[in-house]
Amino acid sequence: MYTISALWTHAREQLDITTVIFSNRSYAILTMELDRTGAPPAGKSARSLLDLSRPGLSFTALAEGMGVPASRAQTAPEFAAQLRRALAEPGPHLIEAVVPPFS
């Protein structure tokens, strides 16, 4: 979510930037850091704050709404093809790479 606001600048300035979002539908790094604190396990309400699946975010729609062409890759071959295409075209692009959730 922190990257989204930069996409508007990428589009406005027609920057040759390809943004890749590794989408696991959660703030997995924050979950891992919370577990490392040594504090008692977080409750259901606290863990739900780190979940990005309710509501589900459409990173491609957010990017396109700011004028950045976007695609969603669900497999490694799809990602490779989309990355090749994005790097071959001038201007900004966003690729949402779907990855398994952190467990």
PDB file of N, CA and C in Angstrom:
ATOM      1  N   MET A   1       0.810  -1.198   0.000  1.00  0.00           N
ATOM      2  CA  MET A   1       0.000   0.000   0.000  1.00  0.00           C
ATOM      3  C   MET A   1       0.857   1.268   0.000  1.00  0.00           C
ATOM      4  N   TYR A   2       2.076   1.227   0.532  1.00  0.00           N
ATOM      5  CA  TYR A   2       2.899   2.430   0.584  1.00  0.00           C
ATOM      6  C   TYR A   2       3.408   2.844  -0.794  1.00  0.00           C
ATOM      7  N   THR A   3       3.475   1.934  -1.725  1.00  0.00           N
ATOM      8  CA  THR A   3       3.996   2.206  -3.063  1.00  0.00           C
ATOM      9  C   THR A   3       2.979   2.905  -3.948  1.00  0.00           C
ATOM     10  N   ILE A   4       1.711   2.716  -3.691  1.00  0.00           N
ATOM     11  CA  ILE A   4       0.658   3.171  -4.592  1.00  0.00           C
ATOM     12  C   ILE A   4       0.743   4.664  -4.895  1.00  0.00           C
ATOM     13  N   SER A   5       1.004   5.499  -3.909  1.00  0.00           N
ATOM     14  CA  SER A   5       1.012   6.943  -4.157  1.00  0.00           C
ATOM     15  C   SER A   5       2.117   7.362  -5.118  1.00  0.00           C
ATOM     16  N   ALA A   6       3.202   6.618  -5.175  1.00  0.00           N
ATOM     17  CA  ALA A   6       4.299   6.948  -6.094  1.00  0.00           C
ATOM     18  C   ALA A   6       3.910   6.703  -7.547  1.00  0.00           C
ATOM     19  N   LEU A   7       2.935   5.843  -7.794  1.00  0.00           N
ATOM     20  CA  LEU A   7       2.549   5.529  -9.169  1.00  0.00           C
ATOM     21  C   LEU A   7       2.035   6.757  -9.910  1.00  0.00           C
ATOM     22  N   TRP A   8       1.371   7.664  -9.212  1.00  0.00           N
ATOM     23  CA  TRP A   8       0.871   8.866  -9.849  1.00  0.00           C
ATOM     24  C   TRP A   8       2.029   9.689 -10.410  1.00  0.00           C
ATOM     25  N   THR A   9       3.113   9.797  -9.645  1.00  0.00           N
ATOM     26  CA  THR A   9       4.298  10.512 -10.120  1.00  0.00           C
ATOM     27  C   THR A   9       4.923   9.783 -11.300  1.00  0.00           C
ATOM     28  N   HIS A  10       4.997   8.467 -11.238  1.00  0.00           N
ATOM     29  CA  HIS A  10       5.547   7.688 -12.348  1.00  0.00           C
ATOM     30  C   HIS A  10       4.779   7.993 -13.631  1.00  0.00           C
ATOM     31  N   ALA A  11       3.452   8.033 -13.537  1.00  0.00           N
ATOM     32  CA  ALA A  11       2.622   8.297 -14.713  1.00  0.00           C
ATOM     33  C   ALA A  11       2.754   9.752 -15.180  1.00  0.00           C
ATOM     34  N   ARG A  12       2.679  10.678 -14.250  1.00  0.00           N
ATOM     35  CA  ARG A  12       2.749  12.102 -14.609  1.00  0.00           C
ATOM     36  C   ARG A  12       4.046  12.443 -15.318  1.00  0.00           C
ATOM     37  N   GLU A  13       5.155  11.896 -14.813  1.00  0.00           N
ATOM     38  CA  GLU A  13       6.472  12.196 -15.375  1.00  0.00           C
ATOM     39  C   GLU A  13       6.899  11.197 -16.451  1.00  0.00           C
ATOM     40  N   GLN A  14       6.030  10.211 -16.736  1.00  0.00           N
ATOM     41  CA  GLN A  14       6.342   9.149 -17.699  1.00  0.00           C
ATOM     42  C   GLN A  14       7.714   8.539 -17.415  1.00  0.00           C
ATOM     43  N   LEU A  15       7.935   8.184 -16.155  1.00  0.00           N
ATOM     44  CA  LEU A  15       9.197   7.586 -15.732  1.00  0.00           C
ATOM     45  C   LEU A  15       9.276   6.148 -16.213  1.00  0.00           C
ATOM     46  N   ASP A  16      10.441   5.752 -16.610  1.00  0.00           N
ATOM     47  CA  ASP A  16      10.670   4.391 -17.106  1.00  0.00           C
ATOM     48  C   ASP A  16      10.963   3.487 -15.907  1.00  0.00           C
ATOM     49  N   ILE A  17       9.915   3.197 -15.143  1.00  0.00           N
ATOM     50  CA  ILE A  17      10.022   2.422 -13.902  1.00  0.00           C
ATOM     51  C   ILE A  17       9.027   1.273 -13.954  1.00  0.00           C
ATOM     52  N   THR A  18       9.507   0.086 -13.633  1.00  0.00           N
ATOM     53  CA  THR A  18       8.614  -1.061 -13.488  1.00  0.00           C
ATOM     54  C   THR A  18       8.538  -1.402 -12.006  1.00  0.00           C
ATOM     55  N   THR A  19       7.361  -1.296 -11.441  1.00  0.00           N
ATOM     56  CA  THR A  19       7.131  -1.614 -10.031  1.00  0.00           C
ATOM     57  C   THR A  19       6.575  -3.028  -9.950  1.00  0.00           C
ATOM     58  N   VAL A  20       7.184  -3.838  -9.077  1.00  0.00           N
ATOM     59  CA  VAL A  20       6.690  -5.195  -8.848  1.00  0.00           C
ATOM     60  C   VAL A  20       6.196  -5.261  -7.407  1.00  0.00           C
ATOM     61  N   ILE A  21       4.948  -5.664  -7.251  1.00  0.00           N
ATOM     62  CA  ILE A  21       4.383  -5.881  -5.920  1.00  0.00           C
ATOM     63  C   ILE A  21       4.261  -7.381  -5.723  1.00  0.00           C
ATOM     64  N   PHE A  22       4.965  -7.901  -4.734  1.00  0.00           N
ATOM     65  CA  PHE A  22       4.851  -9.316  -4.378  1.00  0.00           C
ATOM     66  C   PHE A  22       3.672  -9.413  -3.414  1.00  0.00           C
ATOM     67  N   SER A  23       2.566  -9.856  -3.926  1.00  0.00           N
ATOM     68  CA  SER A  23       1.291  -9.782  -3.224  1.00  0.00           C
ATOM     69  C   SER A  23       0.961 -11.096  -2.516  1.00  0.00           C
ATOM     70  N   ASN A  24       1.060 -11.076  -1.194  1.00  0.00           N
ATOM     71  CA  ASN A  24       0.683 -12.253  -0.400  1.00  0.00           C
ATOM     72  C   ASN A  24      -0.569 -11.983   0.420  1.00  0.00           C
ATOM     73  N   ARG A  25      -1.212 -10.848   0.162  1.00  0.00           N
ATOM     74  CA  ARG A  25      -2.459 -10.446   0.811  1.00  0.00           C
ATOM     75  C   ARG A  25      -2.335 -10.253   2.320  1.00  0.00           C
ATOM     76  N   SER A  26      -1.122  -9.915   2.752  1.00  0.00           N
ATOM     77  CA  SER A  26      -0.932  -9.614   4.173  1.00  0.00           C
ATOM     78  C   SER A  26       0.323  -8.770   4.347  1.00  0.00           C
ATOM     79  N   TYR A  27       0.445  -8.174   5.515  1.00  0.00           N
ATOM     80  CA  TYR A  27       1.696  -7.529   5.906  1.00  0.00           C
ATOM     81  C   TYR A  27       2.534  -8.604   6.585  1.00  0.00           C
ATOM     82  N   ALA A  28       3.022  -9.549   5.794  1.00  0.00           N
ATOM     83  CA  ALA A  28       3.718 -10.717   6.339  1.00  0.00           C
ATOM     84  C   ALA A  28       4.947 -10.344   7.156  1.00  0.00           C
ATOM     85  N   ILE A  29       5.681  -9.335   6.732  1.00  0.00           N
ATOM     86  CA  ILE A  29       6.881  -8.945   7.467  1.00  0.00           C
ATOM     87  C   ILE A  29       6.504  -8.444   8.867  1.00  0.00           C
ATOM     88  N   LEU A  30       5.371  -7.760   8.979  1.00  0.00           N
ATOM     89  CA  LEU A  30       4.941  -7.290  10.294  1.00  0.00           C
ATOM     90  C   LEU A  30       4.488  -8.454  11.181  1.00  0.00           C
ATOM     91  N   THR A  31       3.862  -9.466  10.578  1.00  0.00           N
ATOM     92  CA  THR A  31       3.478 -10.659  11.327  1.00  0.00           C
ATOM     93  C   THR A  31       4.724 -11.348  11.875  1.00  0.00           C
ATOM     94  N   MET A  32       5.747 -11.473  11.026  1.00  0.00           N
ATOM     95  CA  MET A  32       6.993 -12.120  11.448  1.00  0.00           C
ATOM     96  C   MET A  32       7.658 -11.318  12.576  1.00  0.00           C
ATOM     97  N   GLU A  33       7.700 -10.011  12.440  1.00  0.00           N
ATOM     98  CA  GLU A  33       8.323  -9.179  13.474  1.00  0.00           C
ATOM     99  C   GLU A  33       7.515  -9.223  14.771  1.00  0.00           C
ATOM    100  N   LEU A  34       6.206  -9.263  14.682  1.00  0.00           N
ATOM    101  CA  LEU A  34       5.367  -9.381  15.871  1.00  0.00           C
ATOM    102  C   LEU A  34       5.677 -10.685  16.604  1.00  0.00           C
ATOM    103  N   ASP A  35       5.833 -11.766  15.843  1.00  0.00           N
ATOM    104  CA  ASP A  35       6.156 -13.059  16.453  1.00  0.00           C
ATOM    105  C   ASP A  35       7.534 -13.036  17.119  1.00  0.00           C
ATOM    106  N   ARG A  36       8.454 -12.251  16.589  1.00  0.00           N
ATOM    107  CA  ARG A  36       9.828 -12.187  17.128  1.00  0.00           C
ATOM    108  C   ARG A  36       9.950 -11.354  18.400  1.00  0.00           C
ATOM    109  N   THR A  37       8.920 -10.618  18.770  1.00  0.00           N
ATOM    110  CA  THR A  37       9.032  -9.748  19.941  1.00  0.00           C
ATOM    111  C   THR A  37       9.141 -10.521  21.243  1.00  0.00           C
ATOM    112  N   GLY A  38       8.677 -11.755  21.233  1.00  0.00           N
ATOM    113  CA  GLY A  38       8.691 -12.534  22.460  1.00  0.00           C
ATOM    114  C   GLY A  38       7.450 -12.303  23.309  1.00  0.00           C
ATOM    115  N   ALA A  39       6.585 -11.420  22.864  1.00  0.00           N
ATOM    116  CA  ALA A  39       5.339 -11.159  23.582  1.00  0.00           C
ATOM    117  C   ALA A  39       4.394 -12.342  23.391  1.00  0.00           C
ATOM    118  N   PRO A  40       3.385 -12.450  24.236  1.00  0.00           N
ATOM    119  CA  PRO A  40       2.406 -13.520  24.037  1.00  0.00           C
ATOM    120  C   PRO A  40       1.807 -13.432  22.637  1.00  0.00           C
ATOM    121  N   PRO A  41       1.365 -14.544  22.076  1.00  0.00           N
ATOM    122  CA  PRO A  41       0.794 -14.524  20.728  1.00  0.00           C
ATOM    123  C   PRO A  41      -0.332 -13.491  20.611  1.00  0.00           C
ATOM    124  N   ALA A  42      -0.331 -12.796  19.476  1.00  0.00           N
ATOM    125  CA  ALA A  42      -1.361 -11.780  19.236  1.00  0.00           C
ATOM    126  C   ALA A  42      -2.711 -12.456  19.067  1.00  0.00           C
ATOM    127  N   GLY A  43      -3.724 -11.770  19.502  1.00  0.00           N
ATOM    128  CA  GLY A  43      -5.080 -12.293  19.362  1.00  0.00           C
ATOM    129  C   GLY A  43      -5.603 -12.144  17.945  1.00  0.00           C
ATOM    130  N   LYS A  44      -6.787 -12.681  17.743  1.00  0.00           N
ATOM    131  CA  LYS A  44      -7.412 -12.682  16.420  1.00  0.00           C
ATOM    132  C   LYS A  44      -7.599 -11.252  15.892  1.00  0.00           C
ATOM    133  N   SER A  45      -8.022 -10.345  16.737  1.00  0.00           N
ATOM    134  CA  SER A  45      -8.256  -8.958  16.301  1.00  0.00           C
ATOM    135  C   SER A  45      -6.960  -8.292  15.866  1.00  0.00           C
ATOM    136  N   ALA A  46      -5.903  -8.501  16.630  1.00  0.00           N
ATOM    137  CA  ALA A  46      -4.610  -7.900  16.277  1.00  0.00           C
ATOM    138  C   ALA A  46      -4.089  -8.470  14.968  1.00  0.00           C
ATOM    139  N   ARG A  47      -4.173  -9.778  14.790  1.00  0.00           N
ATOM    140  CA  ARG A  47      -3.691 -10.413  13.548  1.00  0.00           C
ATOM    141  C   ARG A  47      -4.523  -9.977  12.345  1.00  0.00           C
ATOM    142  N   SER A  48      -5.816  -9.705  12.565  1.00  0.00           N
ATOM    143  CA  SER A  48      -6.658  -9.293  11.431  1.00  0.00           C
ATOM    144  C   SER A  48      -6.231  -7.936  10.875  1.00  0.00           C
ATOM    145  N   LEU A  49      -5.561  -7.115  11.678  1.00  0.00           N
ATOM    146  CA  LEU A  49      -5.080  -5.819  11.204  1.00  0.00           C
ATOM    147  C   LEU A  49      -3.958  -5.970  10.178  1.00  0.00           C
ATOM    148  N   LEU A  50      -3.338  -7.143  10.123  1.00  0.00           N
ATOM    149  CA  LEU A  50      -2.241  -7.387   9.184  1.00  0.00           C
ATOM    150  C   LEU A  50      -2.705  -8.137   7.936  1.00  0.00           C
ATOM    151  N   ASP A  51      -3.990  -8.340   7.824  1.00  0.00           N
ATOM    152  CA  ASP A  51      -4.582  -9.079   6.707  1.00  0.00           C
ATOM    153  C   ASP A  51      -5.053  -8.096   5.635  1.00  0.00           C
ATOM    154  N   LEU A  52      -4.602  -8.280   4.409  1.00  0.00           N
ATOM    155  CA  LEU A  52      -4.995  -7.396   3.312  1.00  0.00           C
ATOM    156  C   LEU A  52      -5.999  -8.058   2.366  1.00  0.00           C
ATOM    157  N   SER A  53      -6.735  -9.042   2.867  1.00  0.00           N
ATOM    158  CA  SER A  53      -7.684  -9.733   1.995  1.00  0.00           C
ATOM    159  C   SER A  53      -9.134  -9.309   2.238  1.00  0.00           C
ATOM    160  N   ARG A  54      -9.387  -8.491   3.220  1.00  0.00           N
ATOM    161  CA  ARG A  54     -10.750  -8.035   3.519  1.00  0.00           C
ATOM    162  C   ARG A  54     -10.765  -6.523   3.627  1.00  0.00           C
ATOM    163  N   PRO A  55     -11.103  -5.784   2.644  1.00  0.00           N
ATOM    164  CA  PRO A  55     -11.449  -6.245   1.301  1.00  0.00           C
ATOM    165  C   PRO A  55     -10.180  -6.519   0.495  1.00  0.00           C
ATOM    166  N   GLY A  56     -10.325  -7.336  -0.508  1.00  0.00           N
ATOM    167  CA  GLY A  56      -9.201  -7.627  -1.391  1.00  0.00           C
ATOM    168  C   GLY A  56      -8.813  -6.383  -2.180  1.00  0.00           C
ATOM    169  N   LEU A  57      -7.524  -6.161  -2.309  1.00  0.00           N
ATOM    170  CA  LEU A  57      -7.035  -5.001  -3.045  1.00  0.00           C
ATOM    171  C   LEU A  57      -6.709  -5.390  -4.483  1.00  0.00           C
ATOM    172  N   SER A  58      -7.087  -4.566  -5.408  1.00  0.00           N
ATOM    173  CA  SER A  58      -6.726  -4.771  -6.802  1.00  0.00           C
ATOM    174  C   SER A  58      -5.617  -3.782  -7.138  1.00  0.00           C
ATOM    175  N   PHE A  59      -4.384  -4.227  -6.992  1.00  0.00           N
ATOM    176  CA  PHE A  59      -3.255  -3.352  -7.274  1.00  0.00           C
ATOM    177  C   PHE A  59      -3.232  -2.936  -8.738  1.00  0.00           C
ATOM    178  N   THR A  60      -3.688  -3.828  -9.624  1.00  0.00           N
ATOM    179  CA  THR A  60      -3.718  -3.477 -11.041  1.00  0.00           C
ATOM    180  C   THR A  60      -4.736  -2.370 -11.299  1.00  0.00           C
ATOM    181  N   ALA A  61      -5.885  -2.444 -10.674  1.00  0.00           N
ATOM    182  CA  ALA A  61      -6.897  -1.392 -10.851  1.00  0.00           C
ATOM    183  C   ALA A  61      -6.417  -0.069 -10.257  1.00  0.00           C
ATOM    184  N   LEU A  62      -5.752  -0.118  -9.107  1.00  0.00           N
ATOM    185  CA  LEU A  62      -5.222   1.104  -8.502  1.00  0.00           C
ATOM    186  C   LEU A  62      -4.192   1.753  -9.413  1.00  0.00           C
ATOM    187  N   ALA A  63      -3.300   0.940  -9.987  1.00  0.00           N
ATOM    188  CA  ALA A  63      -2.268   1.471 -10.888  1.00  0.00           C
ATOM    189  C   ALA A  63      -2.903   2.065 -12.137  1.00  0.00           C
ATOM    190  N   GLU A  64      -3.811   1.320 -12.741  1.00  0.00           N
ATOM    191  CA  GLU A  64      -4.448   1.798 -13.969  1.00  0.00           C
ATOM    192  C   GLU A  64      -5.249   3.075 -13.714  1.00  0.00           C
ATOM    193  N   GLY A  65      -5.828   3.194 -12.518  1.00  0.00           N
ATOM    194  CA  GLY A  65      -6.563   4.397 -12.157  1.00  0.00           C
ATOM    195  C   GLY A  65      -5.664   5.623 -12.074  1.00  0.00           C
ATOM    196  N   MET A  66      -4.362   5.403 -11.922  1.00  0.00           N
ATOM    197  CA  MET A  66      -3.404   6.513 -11.890  1.00  0.00           C
ATOM    198  C   MET A  66      -2.652   6.646 -13.209  1.00  0.00           C
ATOM    199  N   GLY A  67      -3.063   5.873 -14.205  1.00  0.00           N
ATOM    200  CA  GLY A  67      -2.452   5.997 -15.519  1.00  0.00           C
ATOM    201  C   GLY A  67      -1.249   5.110 -15.756  1.00  0.00           C
ATOM    202  N   VAL A  68      -1.064   4.088 -14.926  1.00  0.00           N
ATOM    203  CA  VAL A  68       0.068   3.171 -15.084  1.00  0.00           C
ATOM    204  C   VAL A  68      -0.443   1.828 -15.602  1.00  0.00           C
ATOM    205  N   PRO A  69       0.049   1.378 -16.767  1.00  0.00           N
ATOM    206  CA  PRO A  69      -0.338   0.055 -17.256  1.00  0.00           C
ATOM    207  C   PRO A  69       0.040  -1.011 -16.227  1.00  0.00           C
ATOM    208  N   ALA A  70      -0.841  -1.986 -16.022  1.00  0.00           N
ATOM    209  CA  ALA A  70      -0.605  -2.971 -14.975  1.00  0.00           C
ATOM    210  C   ALA A  70      -1.061  -4.357 -15.407  1.00  0.00           C
ATOM    211  N   SER A  71      -0.429  -5.360 -14.802  1.00  0.00           N
ATOM    212  CA  SER A  71      -0.807  -6.751 -15.057  1.00  0.00           C
ATOM    213  C   SER A  71      -0.628  -7.543 -13.772  1.00  0.00           C
ATOM    214  N   ARG A  72      -1.207  -8.737 -13.756  1.00  0.00           N
ATOM    215  CA  ARG A  72      -1.158  -9.607 -12.569  1.00  0.00           C
ATOM    216  C   ARG A  72      -0.636 -10.962 -12.993  1.00  0.00           C
ATOM    217  N   ALA A  73       0.428 -11.422 -12.347  1.00  0.00           N
ATOM    218  CA  ALA A  73       1.034 -12.713 -12.669  1.00  0.00           C
ATOM    219  C   ALA A  73       0.765 -13.694 -11.535  1.00  0.00           C
ATOM    220  N   GLN A  74       0.233 -14.854 -11.886  1.00  0.00           N
ATOM    221  CA  GLN A  74      -0.038 -15.876 -10.875  1.00  0.00           C
ATOM    222  C   GLN A  74       0.958 -17.023 -10.922  1.00  0.00           C
ATOM    223  N   THR A  75       1.805 -17.050 -11.949  1.00  0.00           N
ATOM    224  CA  THR A  75       2.826 -18.097 -12.066  1.00  0.00           C
ATOM    225  C   THR A  75       4.155 -17.449 -12.435  1.00  0.00           C
ATOM    226  N   ALA A  76       5.230 -18.184 -12.230  1.00  0.00           N
ATOM    227  CA  ALA A  76       6.555 -17.671 -12.588  1.00  0.00           C
ATOM    228  C   ALA A  76       6.665 -17.407 -14.094  1.00  0.00           C
ATOM    229  N   PRO A  77       6.167 -18.297 -14.968  1.00  0.00           N
ATOM    230  CA  PRO A  77       6.237 -17.989 -16.399  1.00  0.00           C
ATOM    231  C   PRO A  77       5.440 -16.737 -16.783  1.00  0.00           C
ATOM    232  N   GLU A  78       4.275 -16.540 -16.166  1.00  0.00           N
ATOM    233  CA  GLU A  78       3.506 -15.320 -16.431  1.00  0.00           C
ATOM    234  C   GLU A  78       4.295 -14.089 -15.999  1.00  0.00           C
ATOM    235  N   PHE A  79       4.917 -14.175 -14.830  1.00  0.00           N
ATOM    236  CA  PHE A  79       5.709 -13.050 -14.330  1.00  0.00           C
ATOM    237  C   PHE A  79       6.860 -12.740 -15.281  1.00  0.00           C
ATOM    238  N   ALA A  80       7.578 -13.767 -15.717  1.00  0.00           N
ATOM    239  CA  ALA A  80       8.710 -13.559 -16.621  1.00  0.00           C
ATOM    240  C   ALA A  80       8.261 -12.881 -17.912  1.00  0.00           C
ATOM    241  N   ALA A  81       7.157 -13.332 -18.481  1.00  0.00           N
ATOM    242  CA  ALA A  81       6.650 -12.738 -19.724  1.00  0.00           C
ATOM    243  C   ALA A  81       6.225 -11.287 -19.503  1.00  0.00           C
ATOM    244  N   GLN A  82       5.539 -11.029 -18.407  1.00  0.00           N
ATOM    245  CA  GLN A  82       5.082  -9.661 -18.124  1.00  0.00           C
ATOM    246  C   GLN A  82       6.250  -8.729 -17.846  1.00  0.00           C
ATOM    247  N   LEU A  83       7.277  -9.231 -17.157  1.00  0.00           N
ATOM    248  CA  LEU A  83       8.451  -8.405 -16.879  1.00  0.00           C
ATOM    249  C   LEU A  83       9.195  -8.083 -18.173  1.00  0.00           C
ATOM    250  N   ARG A  84       9.365  -9.072 -19.043  1.00  0.00           N
ATOM    251  CA  ARG A  84      10.022  -8.822 -20.338  1.00  0.00           C
ATOM    252  C   ARG A  84       9.268  -7.739 -21.117  1.00  0.00           C
ATOM    253  N   ARG A  85       7.950  -7.858 -21.139  1.00  0.00           N
ATOM    254  CA  ARG A  85       7.123  -6.893 -21.872  1.00  0.00           C
ATOM    255  C   ARG A  85       7.253  -5.490 -21.255  1.00  0.00           C
ATOM    256  N   ALA A  86       7.197  -5.397 -19.938  1.00  0.00           N
ATOM    257  CA  ALA A  86       7.289  -4.099 -19.264  1.00  0.00           C
ATOM    258  C   ALA A  86       8.651  -3.447 -19.494  1.00  0.00           C
ATOM    259  N   LEU A  87       9.712  -4.235 -19.458  1.00  0.00           N
ATOM    260  CA  LEU A  87      11.046  -3.676 -19.653  1.00  0.00           C
ATOM    261  C   LEU A  87      11.292  -3.266 -21.105  1.00  0.00           C
ATOM    262  N   ALA A  88      10.560  -3.858 -22.028  1.00  0.00           N
ATOM    263  CA  ALA A  88      10.729  -3.540 -23.443  1.00  0.00           C
ATOM    264  C   ALA A  88       9.964  -2.282 -23.859  1.00  0.00           C
ATOM    265  N   GLU A  89       8.986  -1.869 -23.056  1.00  0.00           N
ATOM    266  CA  GLU A  89       8.166  -0.702 -23.374  1.00  0.00           C
ATOM    267  C   GLU A  89       8.590   0.475 -22.509  1.00  0.00           C
ATOM    268  N   PRO A  90       8.697   1.669 -23.079  1.00  0.00           N
ATOM    269  CA  PRO A  90       9.041   2.836 -22.255  1.00  0.00           C
ATOM    270  C   PRO A  90       7.881   3.218 -21.336  1.00  0.00           C
ATOM    271  N   GLY A  91       8.209   3.920 -20.285  1.00  0.00           N
ATOM    272  CA  GLY A  91       7.201   4.410 -19.359  1.00  0.00           C
ATOM    273  C   GLY A  91       6.993   3.490 -18.174  1.00  0.00           C
ATOM    274  N   PRO A  92       6.104   3.893 -17.288  1.00  0.00           N
ATOM    275  CA  PRO A  92       5.882   3.123 -16.061  1.00  0.00           C
ATOM    276  C   PRO A  92       5.021   1.888 -16.294  1.00  0.00           C
ATOM    277  N   HIS A  93       5.222   0.899 -15.445  1.00  0.00           N
ATOM    278  CA  HIS A  93       4.419  -0.329 -15.446  1.00  0.00           C
ATOM    279  C   HIS A  93       4.338  -0.839 -14.011  1.00  0.00           C
ATOM    280  N   LEU A  94       3.307  -1.603 -13.740  1.00  0.00           N
ATOM    281  CA  LEU A  94       3.197  -2.297 -12.459  1.00  0.00           C
ATOM    282  C   LEU A  94       2.857  -3.757 -12.746  1.00  0.00           C
ATOM    283  N   ILE A  95       3.535  -4.644 -12.037  1.00  0.00           N
ATOM    284  CA  ILE A  95       3.227  -6.069 -12.088  1.00  0.00           C
ATOM    285  C   ILE A  95       2.904  -6.519 -10.678  1.00  0.00           C
ATOM    286  N   GLU A  96       1.724  -7.079 -10.512  1.00  0.00           N
ATOM    287  CA  GLU A  96       1.364  -7.696  -9.221  1.00  0.00           C
ATOM    288  C   GLU A  96       1.691  -9.181  -9.331  1.00  0.00           C
ATOM    289  N   ALA A  97       2.703  -9.596  -8.598  1.00  0.00           N
ATOM    290  CA  ALA A  97       3.114 -11.001  -8.593  1.00  0.00           C
ATOM    291  C   ALA A  97       2.498 -11.683  -7.389  1.00  0.00           C
ATOM    292  N   VAL A  98       1.569 -12.577  -7.633  1.00  0.00           N
ATOM    293  CA  VAL A  98       0.886 -13.279  -6.553  1.00  0.00           C
ATOM    294  C   VAL A  98       1.827 -14.338  -5.977  1.00  0.00           C
ATOM    295  N   VAL A  99       2.037 -14.284  -4.673  1.00  0.00           N
ATOM    296  CA  VAL A  99       2.900 -15.243  -3.985  1.00  0.00           C
ATOM    297  C   VAL A  99       2.100 -15.889  -2.849  1.00  0.00           C
ATOM    298  N   PRO A 100       2.523 -17.074  -2.405  1.00  0.00           N
ATOM    299  CA  PRO A 100       1.790 -17.726  -1.302  1.00  0.00           C
ATOM    300  C   PRO A 100       1.838 -16.894  -0.028  1.00  0.00           C
ATOM    301  N   PRO A 101       0.801 -16.999   0.785  1.00  0.00           N
ATOM    302  CA  PRO A 101       0.801 -16.259   2.054  1.00  0.00           C
ATOM    303  C   PRO A 101       1.873 -16.780   2.992  1.00  0.00           C
ATOM    304  N   PHE A 102       2.322 -15.916   3.867  1.00  0.00           N
ATOM    305  CA  PHE A 102       3.302 -16.273   4.898  1.00  0.00           C
ATOM    306  C   PHE A 102       2.604 -17.181   5.919  1.00  0.00           C
ATOM    307  N   SER A 103       3.260 -18.251   6.307  1.00  0.00           N
ATOM    308  CA  SER A 103       2.654 -19.093   7.334  1.00  0.00           C
ATOM    309  C   SER A 103       3.639 -19.443   8.400  1.00  0.00           C
TER     310      SER A 103
END
